[in-house]
């Protein structure tokens, strides 16, 4: 089961600090999860410039130039944000019994673990 999913709020926990032009400490929403590569794309983080070749669309307008876009980050470099404390936390799983239409089913559910400082 995935620890980080699309739409989660995450924080960058490694890399260059913001004072040196990096993204460590920044928070953003997950746009895409690349499961086979163990990477995530986070909104507003890890911007790269991409040079796009000039072309024409069906209507005749020209496209191309220099674009900035988010690049993927490895899963180990981001941490999920706890919705209560708004701090980075680890993710755990627990099994809960869900009853629907008289049928009970065991489902694994994600939850944010508490860090030692918060207790």
Protein backbone atom coordinates (compact mmCIF):
# COMPACT_ATOMS: atom_id res chain seq x y z
CA UNK A 1 0.00 0.00 0.00
CA UNK A 2 1.30 3.46 -0.89
CA UNK A 3 2.59 5.70 1.88
CA UNK A 4 2.22 8.85 -0.21
CA UNK A 5 -0.71 9.38 -2.57
CA UNK A 6 -1.81 12.01 -5.07
CA UNK A 7 -3.22 15.04 -3.27
CA UNK A 8 -1.23 14.55 -0.04
CA UNK A 9 0.58 17.48 1.56
CA UNK A 10 4.31 16.69 1.84
CA UNK A 11 7.50 18.46 2.93
CA UNK A 12 10.97 18.14 1.40
CA UNK A 13 13.28 16.78 4.12
CA UNK A 14 16.61 16.56 2.29
CA UNK A 15 18.65 18.43 -0.28
CA UNK A 16 19.97 21.98 -0.42
CA UNK A 17 18.56 24.46 2.08
CA UNK A 18 16.43 27.39 0.95
CA UNK A 19 19.25 29.81 1.83
CA UNK A 20 21.42 28.10 -0.79
CA UNK A 21 18.72 27.99 -3.46
CA UNK A 22 17.28 24.57 -2.67
CA UNK A 23 13.85 23.28 -1.66
CA UNK A 24 14.47 21.68 1.76
CA UNK A 25 11.72 22.67 4.21
CA UNK A 26 9.20 23.65 1.52
CA UNK A 27 5.73 22.12 1.54
CA UNK A 28 3.51 21.29 -1.42
CA UNK A 29 0.74 19.09 -2.74
CA UNK A 30 1.56 15.87 -4.63
CA UNK A 31 0.57 16.18 -8.30
CA UNK A 32 1.67 12.74 -9.48
CA UNK A 33 3.16 9.54 -8.03
CA UNK A 34 5.47 7.48 -10.26
CA UNK A 35 5.28 4.10 -8.52
CA UNK A 36 7.66 2.22 -10.82
CA UNK A 37 10.39 4.86 -10.35
CA UNK A 38 9.69 5.57 -6.62
CA UNK A 39 9.31 9.28 -7.36
CA UNK A 40 6.72 12.01 -6.80
CA UNK A 41 6.04 15.35 -8.50
CA UNK A 42 5.24 18.07 -5.95
CA UNK A 43 3.50 21.33 -6.81
CA UNK A 44 5.88 24.31 -6.68
CA UNK A 45 8.99 22.27 -5.82
CA UNK A 46 12.07 21.22 -7.85
CA UNK A 47 11.54 23.53 -10.82
CA UNK A 48 13.61 22.86 -13.95
CA UNK A 49 13.79 24.74 -17.26
CA UNK A 50 12.87 22.78 -20.37
CA UNK A 51 13.63 23.95 -23.91
CA UNK A 52 10.76 23.08 -26.23
CA UNK A 53 11.30 22.98 -29.99
CA UNK A 54 9.30 25.47 -32.05
CA UNK A 55 6.37 23.88 -33.85
CA UNK A 56 2.96 24.74 -35.21
CA UNK A 57 -0.47 23.74 -34.02
CA UNK A 58 -3.45 22.95 -36.26
CA UNK A 59 -4.49 26.62 -36.21
CA UNK A 60 -1.05 27.85 -37.25
CA UNK A 61 0.07 29.35 -33.93
CA UNK A 62 3.69 28.80 -32.99
CA UNK A 63 4.64 26.88 -29.87
CA UNK A 64 7.97 26.40 -28.17
CA UNK A 65 10.49 28.31 -26.13
CA UNK A 66 11.71 27.91 -22.57
CA UNK A 67 9.25 26.47 -20.06
CA UNK A 68 9.61 25.87 -16.32
CA UNK A 69 8.09 22.72 -14.89
CA UNK A 70 8.28 20.52 -11.79
CA UNK A 71 10.70 17.59 -11.92
CA UNK A 72 10.24 14.34 -9.94
CA UNK A 73 11.72 13.90 -6.45
CA UNK A 74 12.60 10.56 -4.86
CA UNK A 75 10.11 9.31 -2.25
CA UNK A 76 12.80 9.12 0.43
CA UNK A 77 13.34 12.88 0.19
CA UNK A 78 9.77 13.85 1.15
CA UNK A 79 7.72 13.27 4.30
CA UNK A 80 3.96 13.34 4.78
CA UNK A 81 2.58 16.28 6.80
CA UNK A 82 0.50 15.42 9.87
CA UNK A 83 -2.89 17.15 9.44
CA UNK A 84 -3.11 17.98 13.17
CA UNK A 85 0.39 19.26 14.03
CA UNK A 86 1.34 20.45 10.50
CA UNK A 87 4.78 18.83 10.93
CA UNK A 88 6.46 16.07 8.88
CA UNK A 89 5.67 12.62 10.23
CA UNK A 90 5.98 8.93 9.46
CA UNK A 91 3.12 6.88 8.03
CA UNK A 92 1.65 3.78 9.63
CA UNK A 93 -1.07 1.32 8.70
CA UNK A 94 -3.76 -0.29 10.80
CA UNK A 95 -6.57 -2.65 9.99
CA UNK A 96 -10.12 -1.50 10.58
CA UNK A 97 -13.37 -3.39 10.19
CA UNK A 98 -15.82 -1.60 7.91
CA UNK A 99 -19.47 -2.70 7.82
CA UNK A 100 -21.46 -1.85 4.71
CA UNK A 101 -24.89 -3.30 3.90
CA UNK A 102 -24.49 -5.94 6.60
CA UNK A 103 -21.16 -7.18 5.20
CA UNK A 104 -18.08 -6.58 7.35
CA UNK A 105 -14.73 -6.22 5.63
CA UNK A 106 -11.19 -5.66 6.98
CA UNK A 107 -9.47 -2.66 5.34
CA UNK A 108 -5.95 -1.27 5.77
CA UNK A 109 -5.97 2.44 6.61
CA UNK A 110 -3.09 4.96 6.63
CA UNK A 111 -2.49 7.14 9.67
CA UNK A 112 0.13 9.68 10.73
CA UNK A 113 2.36 8.42 13.54
CA UNK A 114 3.19 10.74 16.39
CA UNK A 115 6.84 11.73 16.79
CA UNK A 116 8.60 11.44 20.13
CA UNK A 117 8.64 15.20 20.69
CA UNK A 118 4.87 15.55 20.33
CA UNK A 119 3.94 13.06 23.08
